[in-house]
Amino acid sequence: LKTLGLKATDGQRMKADIGILRGNGTETTAR
């Protein structure tokens, strides 16, 4: 958490997103 500077508490709301990148091993083709 310290690497991210994140201090989360119960009930805390925050903006966030999670995803993936797809590719062929040398270039990214989709997000």
Full PDB file with SEQRES, HELIX, SHEET, SSBOND, CRYST1, ORIGX, SCALE, CONECT and MASTER records, all heavy atoms in Angstrom:
SEQRES   1 A   31  LEU LYS THR LEU GLY LEU LYS ALA THR ASP GLY GLN ARG          
SEQRES   2 A   31  MET LYS ALA ASP ILE GLY ILE LEU ARG GLY ASN GLY THR          
SEQRES   3 A   31  GLU THR THR ALA ARG                                          
SHEET    1 AA1 2 ARG A  22  GLY A  23  0                                        
SHEET    2 AA1 2 THR A  28  ALA A  30 -1                                        
CRYST1    1.000    1.000    1.000  90.00  90.00  90.00 P 1           1          
ORIGX1      1.000000  0.000000  0.000000        0.00000                         
ORIGX2      0.000000  1.000000  0.000000        0.00000                         
ORIGX3      0.000000  0.000000  1.000000        0.00000                         
SCALE1      1.000000  0.000000  0.000000        0.00000                         
SCALE2      0.000000  1.000000  0.000000        0.00000                         
SCALE3      0.000000  0.000000  1.000000        0.00000                         
ATOM      1  N   LEU A   1       0.821  -1.206   0.000  1.00  0.00           N  
ATOM      2  CA  LEU A   1       0.000   0.000   0.000  1.00  0.00           C  
ATOM      3  C   LEU A   1       0.856   1.258   0.000  1.00  0.00           C  
ATOM      4  O   LEU A   1       0.518   2.258  -0.629  1.00  0.00           O  
ATOM      5  CB  LEU A   1      -0.923  -0.005   1.226  1.00  0.00           C  
ATOM      6  CG  LEU A   1      -1.963  -1.131   1.299  1.00  0.00           C  
ATOM      7  CD1 LEU A   1      -2.709  -1.054   2.621  1.00  0.00           C  
ATOM      8  CD2 LEU A   1      -2.926  -1.052   0.134  1.00  0.00           C  
ATOM      9  N   LYS A   2       1.985   1.209   0.711  1.00  0.00           N  
ATOM     10  CA  LYS A   2       2.839   2.398   0.789  1.00  0.00           C  
ATOM     11  C   LYS A   2       3.443   2.749  -0.559  1.00  0.00           C  
ATOM     12  O   LYS A   2       3.730   3.929  -0.829  1.00  0.00           O  
ATOM     13  CB  LYS A   2       3.934   2.203   1.832  1.00  0.00           C  
ATOM     14  CG  LYS A   2       4.934   1.099   1.507  1.00  0.00           C  
ATOM     15  CD  LYS A   2       5.978   0.981   2.610  1.00  0.00           C  
ATOM     16  CE  LYS A   2       7.002  -0.120   2.297  1.00  0.00           C  
ATOM     17  NZ  LYS A   2       8.005  -0.251   3.387  1.00  0.00           N  
ATOM     18  N   THR A   3       3.634   1.755  -1.418  1.00  0.00           N  
ATOM     19  CA  THR A   3       4.146   2.035  -2.759  1.00  0.00           C  
ATOM     20  C   THR A   3       3.146   2.869  -3.542  1.00  0.00           C  
ATOM     21  O   THR A   3       3.526   3.722  -4.352  1.00  0.00           O  
ATOM     22  CB  THR A   3       4.439   0.722  -3.508  1.00  0.00           C  
ATOM     23  OG1 THR A   3       5.379  -0.045  -2.753  1.00  0.00           O  
ATOM     24  CG2 THR A   3       5.016   0.993  -4.893  1.00  0.00           C  
ATOM     25  N   LEU A   4       1.861   2.633  -3.284  1.00  0.00           N  
ATOM     26  CA  LEU A   4       0.794   3.362  -3.978  1.00  0.00           C  
ATOM     27  C   LEU A   4       0.371   4.625  -3.234  1.00  0.00           C  
ATOM     28  O   LEU A   4      -0.377   5.435  -3.789  1.00  0.00           O  
ATOM     29  CB  LEU A   4      -0.429   2.452  -4.134  1.00  0.00           C  
ATOM     30  CG  LEU A   4      -0.209   1.122  -4.858  1.00  0.00           C  
ATOM     31  CD1 LEU A   4      -1.478   0.284  -4.786  1.00  0.00           C  
ATOM     32  CD2 LEU A   4       0.219   1.348  -6.296  1.00  0.00           C  
ATOM     33  N   GLY A   5       0.829   4.776  -2.001  1.00  0.00           N  
ATOM     34  CA  GLY A   5       0.358   5.899  -1.193  1.00  0.00           C  
ATOM     35  C   GLY A   5      -1.116   5.758  -0.859  1.00  0.00           C  
ATOM     36  O   GLY A   5      -1.836   6.750  -0.718  1.00  0.00           O  
ATOM     37  N   LEU A   6      -1.576   4.511  -0.716  1.00  0.00           N  
ATOM     38  CA  LEU A   6      -2.995   4.233  -0.504  1.00  0.00           C  
ATOM     39  C   LEU A   6      -3.277   3.941   0.965  1.00  0.00           C  
ATOM     40  O   LEU A   6      -2.640   3.080   1.576  1.00  0.00           O  
ATOM     41  CB  LEU A   6      -3.417   3.041  -1.366  1.00  0.00           C  
ATOM     42  CG  LEU A   6      -4.863   2.556  -1.221  1.00  0.00           C  
ATOM     43  CD1 LEU A   6      -5.853   3.659  -1.555  1.00  0.00           C  
ATOM     44  CD2 LEU A   6      -5.091   1.334  -2.095  1.00  0.00           C  
ATOM     45  N   LYS A   7      -4.246   4.665   1.516  1.00  0.00           N  
ATOM     46  CA  LYS A   7      -4.718   4.429   2.878  1.00  0.00           C  
ATOM     47  C   LYS A   7      -6.231   4.272   2.816  1.00  0.00           C  
ATOM     48  O   LYS A   7      -6.969   5.264   2.815  1.00  0.00           O  
ATOM     49  CB  LYS A   7      -4.333   5.584   3.802  1.00  0.00           C  
ATOM     50  CG  LYS A   7      -2.830   5.778   3.966  1.00  0.00           C  
ATOM     51  CD  LYS A   7      -2.519   6.942   4.874  1.00  0.00           C  
ATOM     52  CE  LYS A   7      -1.009   7.130   5.032  1.00  0.00           C  
ATOM     53  NZ  LYS A   7      -0.687   8.296   5.911  1.00  0.00           N  
ATOM     54  N   ALA A   8      -6.687   3.027   2.730  1.00  0.00           N  
ATOM     55  CA  ALA A   8      -8.112   2.761   2.585  1.00  0.00           C  
ATOM     56  C   ALA A   8      -8.740   2.456   3.938  1.00  0.00           C  
ATOM     57  O   ALA A   8      -8.169   1.727   4.743  1.00  0.00           O  
ATOM     58  CB  ALA A   8      -8.332   1.589   1.628  1.00  0.00           C  
ATOM     59  N   THR A   9      -9.913   3.013   4.183  1.00  0.00           N  
ATOM     60  CA  THR A   9     -10.640   2.770   5.419  1.00  0.00           C  
ATOM     61  C   THR A   9     -12.006   2.182   5.086  1.00  0.00           C  
ATOM     62  O   THR A   9     -12.517   2.335   3.968  1.00  0.00           O  
ATOM     63  CB  THR A   9     -10.819   4.067   6.215  1.00  0.00           C  
ATOM     64  OG1 THR A   9     -11.520   5.027   5.395  1.00  0.00           O  
ATOM     65  CG2 THR A   9      -9.476   4.650   6.613  1.00  0.00           C  
ATOM     66  N   ASP A  10     -12.602   1.507   6.054  1.00  0.00           N  
ATOM     67  CA  ASP A  10     -13.914   0.901   5.845  1.00  0.00           C  
ATOM     68  C   ASP A  10     -14.927   1.947   5.394  1.00  0.00           C  
ATOM     69  O   ASP A  10     -15.055   3.014   6.007  1.00  0.00           O  
ATOM     70  CB  ASP A  10     -14.409   0.243   7.130  1.00  0.00           C  
ATOM     71  CG  ASP A  10     -13.578  -0.971   7.517  1.00  0.00           C  
ATOM     72  OD1 ASP A  10     -12.757  -1.395   6.686  1.00  0.00           O  
ATOM     73  OD2 ASP A  10     -13.760  -1.485   8.634  1.00  0.00           O  
ATOM     74  N   GLY A  11     -15.633   1.651   4.335  1.00  0.00           N  
ATOM     75  CA  GLY A  11     -16.660   2.553   3.838  1.00  0.00           C  
ATOM     76  C   GLY A  11     -16.152   3.644   2.918  1.00  0.00           C  
ATOM     77  O   GLY A  11     -16.954   4.399   2.354  1.00  0.00           O  
ATOM     78  N   GLN A  12     -14.833   3.762   2.758  1.00  0.00           N  
ATOM     79  CA  GLN A  12     -14.275   4.820   1.915  1.00  0.00           C  
ATOM     80  C   GLN A  12     -14.623   4.593   0.458  1.00  0.00           C  
ATOM     81  O   GLN A  12     -14.544   3.494  -0.060  1.00  0.00           O  
ATOM     82  CB  GLN A  12     -12.756   4.864   2.072  1.00  0.00           C  
ATOM     83  CG  GLN A  12     -12.084   5.933   1.223  1.00  0.00           C  
ATOM     84  CD  GLN A  12     -10.564   5.893   1.365  1.00  0.00           C  
ATOM     85  OE1 GLN A  12     -10.033   5.362   2.326  1.00  0.00           O  
ATOM     86  NE2 GLN A  12      -9.870   6.454   0.397  1.00  0.00           N  
ATOM     87  N   ARG A  13     -15.011   5.668  -0.218  1.00  0.00           N  
ATOM     88  CA  ARG A  13     -15.298   5.625  -1.644  1.00  0.00           C  
ATOM     89  C   ARG A  13     -14.146   6.260  -2.401  1.00  0.00           C  
ATOM     90  O   ARG A  13     -13.561   7.247  -1.948  1.00  0.00           O  
ATOM     91  CB  ARG A  13     -16.603   6.373  -1.953  1.00  0.00           C  
ATOM     92  CG  ARG A  13     -17.835   5.717  -1.333  1.00  0.00           C  
ATOM     93  CD  ARG A  13     -19.052   6.610  -1.449  1.00  0.00           C  
ATOM     94  NE  ARG A  13     -19.449   6.810  -2.840  1.00  0.00           N  
ATOM     95  CZ  ARG A  13     -20.257   5.999  -3.510  1.00  0.00           C  
ATOM     96  NH1 ARG A  13     -20.756   4.920  -2.916  1.00  0.00           N  
ATOM     97  NH2 ARG A  13     -20.595   6.261  -4.753  1.00  0.00           N  
ATOM     98  N   MET A  14     -13.819   5.698  -3.555  1.00  0.00           N  
ATOM     99  CA  MET A  14     -12.736   6.245  -4.359  1.00  0.00           C  
ATOM    100  C   MET A  14     -12.947   5.891  -5.815  1.00  0.00           C  
ATOM    101  O   MET A  14     -13.666   4.951  -6.151  1.00  0.00           O  
ATOM    102  CB  MET A  14     -11.375   5.714  -3.877  1.00  0.00           C  
ATOM    103  CG  MET A  14     -11.205   4.218  -3.980  1.00  0.00           C  
ATOM    104  SD  MET A  14      -9.645   3.611  -3.284  1.00  0.00           S  
ATOM    105  CE  MET A  14      -8.490   4.295  -4.469  1.00  0.00           C  
ATOM    106  N   LYS A  15     -12.326   6.667  -6.694  1.00  0.00           N  
ATOM    107  CA  LYS A  15     -12.373   6.384  -8.129  1.00  0.00           C  
ATOM    108  C   LYS A  15     -11.325   5.322  -8.453  1.00  0.00           C  
ATOM    109  O   LYS A  15     -10.212   5.338  -7.917  1.00  0.00           O  
ATOM    110  CB  LYS A  15     -12.090   7.651  -8.922  1.00  0.00           C  
ATOM    111  CG  LYS A  15     -13.029   8.798  -8.633  1.00  0.00           C  
ATOM    112  CD  LYS A  15     -14.334   8.662  -9.396  1.00  0.00           C  
ATOM    113  CE  LYS A  15     -14.169   9.012 -10.862  1.00  0.00           C  
ATOM    114  NZ  LYS A  15     -15.441   9.058 -11.579  1.00  0.00           N  
ATOM    115  N   ALA A  16     -11.677   4.410  -9.350  1.00  0.00           N  
ATOM    116  CA  ALA A  16     -10.759   3.345  -9.721  1.00  0.00           C  
ATOM    117  C   ALA A  16     -11.232   2.689 -11.009  1.00  0.00           C  
ATOM    118  O   ALA A  16     -12.387   2.840 -11.421  1.00  0.00           O  
ATOM    119  CB  ALA A  16     -10.649   2.305  -8.606  1.00  0.00           C  
ATOM    120  N   ASP A  17     -10.338   1.965 -11.632  1.00  0.00           N  
ATOM    121  CA  ASP A  17     -10.692   1.169 -12.802  1.00  0.00           C  
ATOM    122  C   ASP A  17      -9.724   0.003 -12.896  1.00  0.00           C  
ATOM    123  O   ASP A  17      -8.578   0.085 -12.429  1.00  0.00           O  
ATOM    124  CB  ASP A  17     -10.640   2.007 -14.085  1.00  0.00           C  
ATOM    125  CG  ASP A  17     -11.623   1.507 -15.142  1.00  0.00           C  
ATOM    126  OD1 ASP A  17     -12.242   0.441 -14.931  1.00  0.00           O  
ATOM    127  OD2 ASP A  17     -11.779   2.192 -16.170  1.00  0.00           O  
ATOM    128  N   ILE A  18     -10.183  -1.082 -13.469  1.00  0.00           N  
ATOM    129  CA  ILE A  18      -9.360  -2.275 -13.628  1.00  0.00           C  
ATOM    130  C   ILE A  18      -9.597  -2.831 -15.020  1.00  0.00           C  
ATOM    131  O   ILE A  18     -10.739  -2.832 -15.508  1.00  0.00           O  
ATOM    132  CB  ILE A  18      -9.679  -3.317 -12.533  1.00  0.00           C  
ATOM    133  CG1 ILE A  18      -8.745  -4.523 -12.630  1.00  0.00           C  
ATOM    134  CG2 ILE A  18     -11.139  -3.725 -12.566  1.00  0.00           C  
ATOM    135  CD1 ILE A  18      -8.876  -5.490 -11.455  1.00  0.00           C  
ATOM    136  N   GLY A  19      -8.525  -3.275 -15.678  1.00  0.00           N  
ATOM    137  CA  GLY A  19      -8.679  -3.758 -17.036  1.00  0.00           C  
ATOM    138  C   GLY A  19      -7.515  -4.599 -17.501  1.00  0.00           C  
ATOM    139  O   GLY A  19      -6.634  -4.973 -16.713  1.00  0.00           O  
ATOM    140  N   ILE A  20      -7.527  -4.884 -18.787  1.00  0.00           N  
ATOM    141  CA  ILE A  20      -6.454  -5.656 -19.402  1.00  0.00           C  
ATOM    142  C   ILE A  20      -6.048  -5.025 -20.723  1.00  0.00           C  
ATOM    143  O   ILE A  20      -6.817  -4.313 -21.366  1.00  0.00           O  
ATOM    144  CB  ILE A  20      -6.869  -7.122 -19.668  1.00  0.00           C  
ATOM    145  CG1 ILE A  20      -8.046  -7.176 -20.648  1.00  0.00           C  
ATOM    146  CG2 ILE A  20      -7.191  -7.844 -18.367  1.00  0.00           C  
ATOM    147  CD1 ILE A  20      -8.296  -8.550 -21.228  1.00  0.00           C  
ATOM    148  N   LEU A  21      -4.824  -5.312 -21.108  1.00  0.00           N  
ATOM    149  CA  LEU A  21      -4.343  -5.013 -22.446  1.00  0.00           C  
ATOM    150  C   LEU A  21      -4.135  -6.339 -23.164  1.00  0.00           C  
ATOM    151  O   LEU A  21      -3.625  -7.288 -22.575  1.00  0.00           O  
ATOM    152  CB  LEU A  21      -3.013  -4.251 -22.400  1.00  0.00           C  
ATOM    153  CG  LEU A  21      -2.972  -2.974 -21.553  1.00  0.00           C  
ATOM    154  CD1 LEU A  21      -1.585  -2.361 -21.635  1.00  0.00           C  
ATOM    155  CD2 LEU A  21      -4.025  -1.987 -22.011  1.00  0.00           C  
ATOM    156  N   ARG A  22      -4.529  -6.404 -24.412  1.00  0.00           N  
ATOM    157  CA  ARG A  22      -4.294  -7.599 -25.212  1.00  0.00           C  
ATOM    158  C   ARG A  22      -3.337  -7.264 -26.344  1.00  0.00           C  
ATOM    159  O   ARG A  22      -3.309  -6.141 -26.848  1.00  0.00           O  
ATOM    160  CB  ARG A  22      -5.605  -8.144 -25.787  1.00  0.00           C  
ATOM    161  CG  ARG A  22      -6.534  -8.709 -24.731  1.00  0.00           C  
ATOM    162  CD  ARG A  22      -7.767  -9.338 -25.336  1.00  0.00           C  
ATOM    163  NE  ARG A  22      -8.672  -8.343 -25.886  1.00  0.00           N  
ATOM    164  CZ  ARG A  22      -9.162  -8.371 -27.122  1.00  0.00           C  
ATOM    165  NH1 ARG A  22      -8.821  -9.341 -27.940  1.00  0.00           N  
ATOM    166  NH2 ARG A  22     -10.000  -7.435 -27.528  1.00  0.00           N  
ATOM    167  N   GLY A  23      -2.536  -8.240 -26.732  1.00  0.00           N  
ATOM    168  CA  GLY A  23      -1.581  -8.001 -27.796  1.00  0.00           C  
ATOM    169  C   GLY A  23      -1.078  -9.293 -28.392  1.00  0.00           C  
ATOM    170  O   GLY A  23      -1.533 -10.386 -28.052  1.00  0.00           O  
ATOM    171  N   ASN A  24      -0.105  -9.148 -29.283  1.00  0.00           N  
ATOM    172  CA  ASN A  24       0.465 -10.315 -29.961  1.00  0.00           C  
ATOM    173  C   ASN A  24       1.879 -10.628 -29.491  1.00  0.00           C  
ATOM    174  O   ASN A  24       2.587 -11.410 -30.118  1.00  0.00           O  
ATOM    175  CB  ASN A  24       0.445 -10.102 -31.474  1.00  0.00           C  
ATOM    176  CG  ASN A  24       1.202  -8.845 -31.901  1.00  0.00           C  
ATOM    177  OD1 ASN A  24       2.006  -8.313 -31.131  1.00  0.00           O  
ATOM    178  ND2 ASN A  24       0.937  -8.365 -33.097  1.00  0.00           N  
ATOM    179  N   GLY A  25       2.277  -9.993 -28.408  1.00  0.00           N  
ATOM    180  CA  GLY A  25       3.615 -10.224 -27.886  1.00  0.00           C  
ATOM    181  C   GLY A  25       4.596  -9.128 -28.215  1.00  0.00           C  
ATOM    182  O   GLY A  25       5.623  -8.982 -27.541  1.00  0.00           O  
ATOM    183  N   THR A  26       4.289  -8.343 -29.232  1.00  0.00           N  
ATOM    184  CA  THR A  26       5.167  -7.234 -29.605  1.00  0.00           C  
ATOM    185  C   THR A  26       4.433  -5.904 -29.694  1.00  0.00           C  
ATOM    186  O   THR A  26       5.057  -4.849 -29.632  1.00  0.00           O  
ATOM    187  CB  THR A  26       5.849  -7.503 -30.962  1.00  0.00           C  
ATOM    188  OG1 THR A  26       4.843  -7.692 -31.967  1.00  0.00           O  
ATOM    189  CG2 THR A  26       6.739  -8.731 -30.887  1.00  0.00           C  
ATOM    190  N   GLU A  27       3.115  -5.950 -29.847  1.00  0.00           N  
ATOM    191  CA  GLU A  27       2.336  -4.725 -29.875  1.00  0.00           C  
ATOM    192  C   GLU A  27       0.990  -4.944 -29.196  1.00  0.00           C  
ATOM    193  O   GLU A  27       0.482  -6.063 -29.154  1.00  0.00           O  
ATOM    194  CB  GLU A  27       2.130  -4.225 -31.308  1.00  0.00           C  
ATOM    195  CG  GLU A  27       1.325  -5.159 -32.179  1.00  0.00           C  
ATOM    196  CD  GLU A  27       1.129  -4.619 -33.581  1.00  0.00           C  
ATOM    197  OE1 GLU A  27       1.368  -3.407 -33.787  1.00  0.00           O  
ATOM    198  OE2 GLU A  27       0.748  -5.394 -34.469  1.00  0.00           O  
ATOM    199  N   THR A  28       0.445  -3.862 -28.653  1.00  0.00           N  
ATOM    200  CA  THR A  28      -0.853  -3.918 -27.989  1.00  0.00           C  
ATOM    201  C   THR A  28      -1.939  -3.672 -29.020  1.00  0.00           C  
ATOM    202  O   THR A  28      -1.883  -2.708 -29.783  1.00  0.00           O  
ATOM    203  CB  THR A  28      -0.930  -2.867 -26.871  1.00  0.00           C  
ATOM    204  OG1 THR A  28       0.141  -3.105 -25.943  1.00  0.00           O  
ATOM    205  CG2 THR A  28      -2.253  -2.952 -26.130  1.00  0.00           C  
ATOM    206  N   THR A  29      -2.934  -4.552 -29.024  1.00  0.00           N  
ATOM    207  CA  THR A  29      -3.969  -4.478 -30.050  1.00  0.00           C  
ATOM    208  C   THR A  29      -5.344  -4.115 -29.513  1.00  0.00           C  
ATOM    209  O   THR A  29      -6.236  -3.763 -30.296  1.00  0.00           O  
ATOM    210  CB  THR A  29      -4.073  -5.818 -30.798  1.00  0.00           C  
ATOM    211  OG1 THR A  29      -4.349  -6.862 -29.850  1.00  0.00           O  
ATOM    212  CG2 THR A  29      -2.768  -6.134 -31.528  1.00  0.00           C  
ATOM    213  N   ALA A  30      -5.565  -4.195 -28.202  1.00  0.00           N  
ATOM    214  CA  ALA A  30      -6.879  -3.870 -27.640  1.00  0.00           C  
ATOM    215  C   ALA A  30      -6.750  -3.548 -26.163  1.00  0.00           C  
ATOM    216  O   ALA A  30      -5.858  -4.057 -25.475  1.00  0.00           O  
ATOM    217  CB  ALA A  30      -7.855  -5.023 -27.852  1.00  0.00           C  
ATOM    218  N   ARG A  31      -7.673  -2.710 -25.664  1.00  0.00           N  
ATOM    219  CA  ARG A  31      -7.725  -2.348 -24.255  1.00  0.00           C  
ATOM    220  C   ARG A  31      -9.163  -2.495 -23.763  1.00  0.00           C  
ATOM    221  O   ARG A  31     -10.088  -2.019 -24.421  1.00  0.00           O  
ATOM    222  CB  ARG A  31      -7.262  -0.899 -24.054  1.00  0.00           C  
ATOM    223  CG  ARG A  31      -5.847  -0.611 -24.541  1.00  0.00           C  
ATOM    224  CD  ARG A  31      -5.439   0.829 -24.258  1.00  0.00           C  
ATOM    225  NE  ARG A  31      -6.209   1.778 -25.049  1.00  0.00           N  
ATOM    226  CZ  ARG A  31      -6.438   3.048 -24.693  1.00  0.00           C  
ATOM    227  NH1 ARG A  31      -6.001   3.497 -23.533  1.00  0.00           N  
ATOM    228  NH2 ARG A  31      -7.129   3.856 -25.481  1.00  0.00           N  
TER     229      ARG A  31                                                      
MASTER        0    0    0    0    2    0    0    6  228    1    0    3          
END                                                                             
